[in-house]
Amino acid sequence: MNFNEAEKTITGICIEAYGFPAGIEKARILSKPILLDFRKMLRHAYVGEIIEETYNSEDLKLSITITGQKAAGGLLIMSIEKEIHS
C-alpha cells in the first residue's frame, strides 16, 4: 500500500477506537507524524530490509504497528495492525 492508503487506514483505525467524530480529530493528530516518522525509518534502511515500528496514542488507548520495506523501486508499506486498549 502507498502512504495515502496508509493514511486512510489509520483514519479508519482511529474512528474504530474513538468513534466518530473524535476518531477523525485523533487521526488528524496522529496519522501525519506517524507516517513521516515511518517514512524516515524506511529511507534509512537498506534495500530489502523490513522495518516494523509501533506507535502509541498519548492516552495509550491505541497502538498502531506498521511494517514496511525499502525496495529498489521505492518505499512499501506491507501492513498496518492495530491494538485497541479499553
Protein backbone atom coordinates (compact mmCIF):
# COMPACT_ATOMS: atom_id res chain seq x y z
CA MET A 1 0.00 0.00 0.00
CA ASN A 2 1.16 3.54 -0.59
CA PHE A 3 1.31 6.30 2.02
CA ASN A 4 -2.06 7.83 1.00
CA GLU A 5 -3.75 4.47 1.51
CA ALA A 6 -1.92 4.09 4.83
CA GLU A 7 -3.27 7.46 6.00
CA LYS A 8 -6.82 6.34 5.18
CA THR A 9 -6.25 3.07 7.02
CA ILE A 10 -5.00 4.90 10.11
CA THR A 11 -8.04 7.20 9.95
CA GLY A 12 -10.33 4.15 9.92
CA ILE A 13 -8.48 2.66 12.87
CA CYS A 14 -8.85 5.90 14.84
CA ILE A 15 -12.58 6.04 14.11
CA GLU A 16 -12.91 2.43 15.28
CA ALA A 17 -11.04 3.21 18.52
CA TYR A 18 -12.51 6.63 19.36
CA GLY A 19 -15.80 6.79 17.46
CA PHE A 20 -16.97 9.48 15.11
CA PRO A 21 -16.13 12.44 15.07
CA ALA A 22 -13.44 12.08 17.78
CA GLY A 23 -11.63 9.49 15.64
CA ILE A 24 -11.34 11.95 12.75
CA GLU A 25 -9.71 14.50 15.05
CA LYS A 26 -7.38 11.88 16.53
CA ALA A 27 -6.39 10.76 13.01
CA ARG A 28 -5.54 14.37 12.11
CA ILE A 29 -3.21 14.47 15.09
CA LEU A 30 -1.65 11.02 14.68
CA SER A 31 -1.52 9.97 11.04
CA LYS A 32 0.89 12.50 9.53
CA PRO A 33 3.55 12.33 12.30
CA ILE A 34 3.39 8.52 12.34
CA LEU A 35 3.77 8.25 8.58
CA LEU A 36 6.52 10.89 8.41
CA ASP A 37 8.50 9.05 11.07
CA PHE A 38 7.96 5.69 9.39
CA ARG A 39 8.99 7.07 6.01
CA LYS A 40 12.19 8.40 7.61
CA MET A 41 12.87 4.97 9.11
CA LEU A 42 12.42 3.31 5.71
CA ARG A 43 14.65 5.83 3.97
CA HIS A 44 17.47 4.98 6.38
CA ALA A 45 17.03 1.22 5.88
CA TYR A 46 18.95 -0.95 3.45
CA VAL A 47 17.23 -2.07 0.25
CA GLY A 48 15.28 -5.21 1.10
CA GLU A 49 15.32 -4.55 4.85
CA ILE A 50 11.96 -4.95 6.62
CA ILE A 51 11.17 -2.35 9.26
CA GLU A 52 8.47 -2.64 11.93
CA GLU A 53 7.53 0.21 14.25
CA THR A 54 4.81 0.53 16.88
CA TYR A 55 3.25 3.89 17.68
CA ASN A 56 1.05 4.56 20.71
CA SER A 57 -1.50 7.29 21.26
CA GLU A 58 -0.81 9.60 24.20
CA ASP A 59 -3.71 8.14 26.17
CA LEU A 60 -2.41 4.61 25.42
CA LYS A 61 -5.82 3.58 24.09
CA LEU A 62 -4.41 2.74 20.66
CA SER A 63 -1.27 1.05 19.36
CA ILE A 64 -0.55 1.02 15.63
CA THR A 65 2.16 -1.26 14.24
CA ILE A 66 3.40 -0.58 10.71
CA THR A 67 5.57 -2.98 8.74
CA GLY A 68 7.31 -1.85 5.59
CA GLN A 69 10.25 -2.45 3.32
CA LYS A 70 12.65 -0.35 1.37
CA ALA A 71 12.59 -1.77 -2.14
CA ALA A 72 14.71 -0.88 -5.13
CA GLY A 73 11.73 0.95 -6.63
CA GLY A 74 10.66 2.84 -3.51
CA LEU A 75 9.21 2.53 -0.04
CA LEU A 76 6.48 -0.04 0.62
CA ILE A 77 4.05 -0.38 3.50
CA MET A 78 3.31 -4.06 3.90
CA SER A 79 0.84 -4.00 6.79
CA ILE A 80 -0.79 -1.83 9.43
CA GLU A 81 -2.08 -3.57 12.54
CA LYS A 82 -3.93 -2.14 15.50
CA GLU A 83 -4.45 -2.91 19.12
CA ILE A 84 -7.23 -1.05 20.89
CA HIS A 85 -6.94 -0.99 24.68
CA SER A 86 -10.08 -0.45 26.73
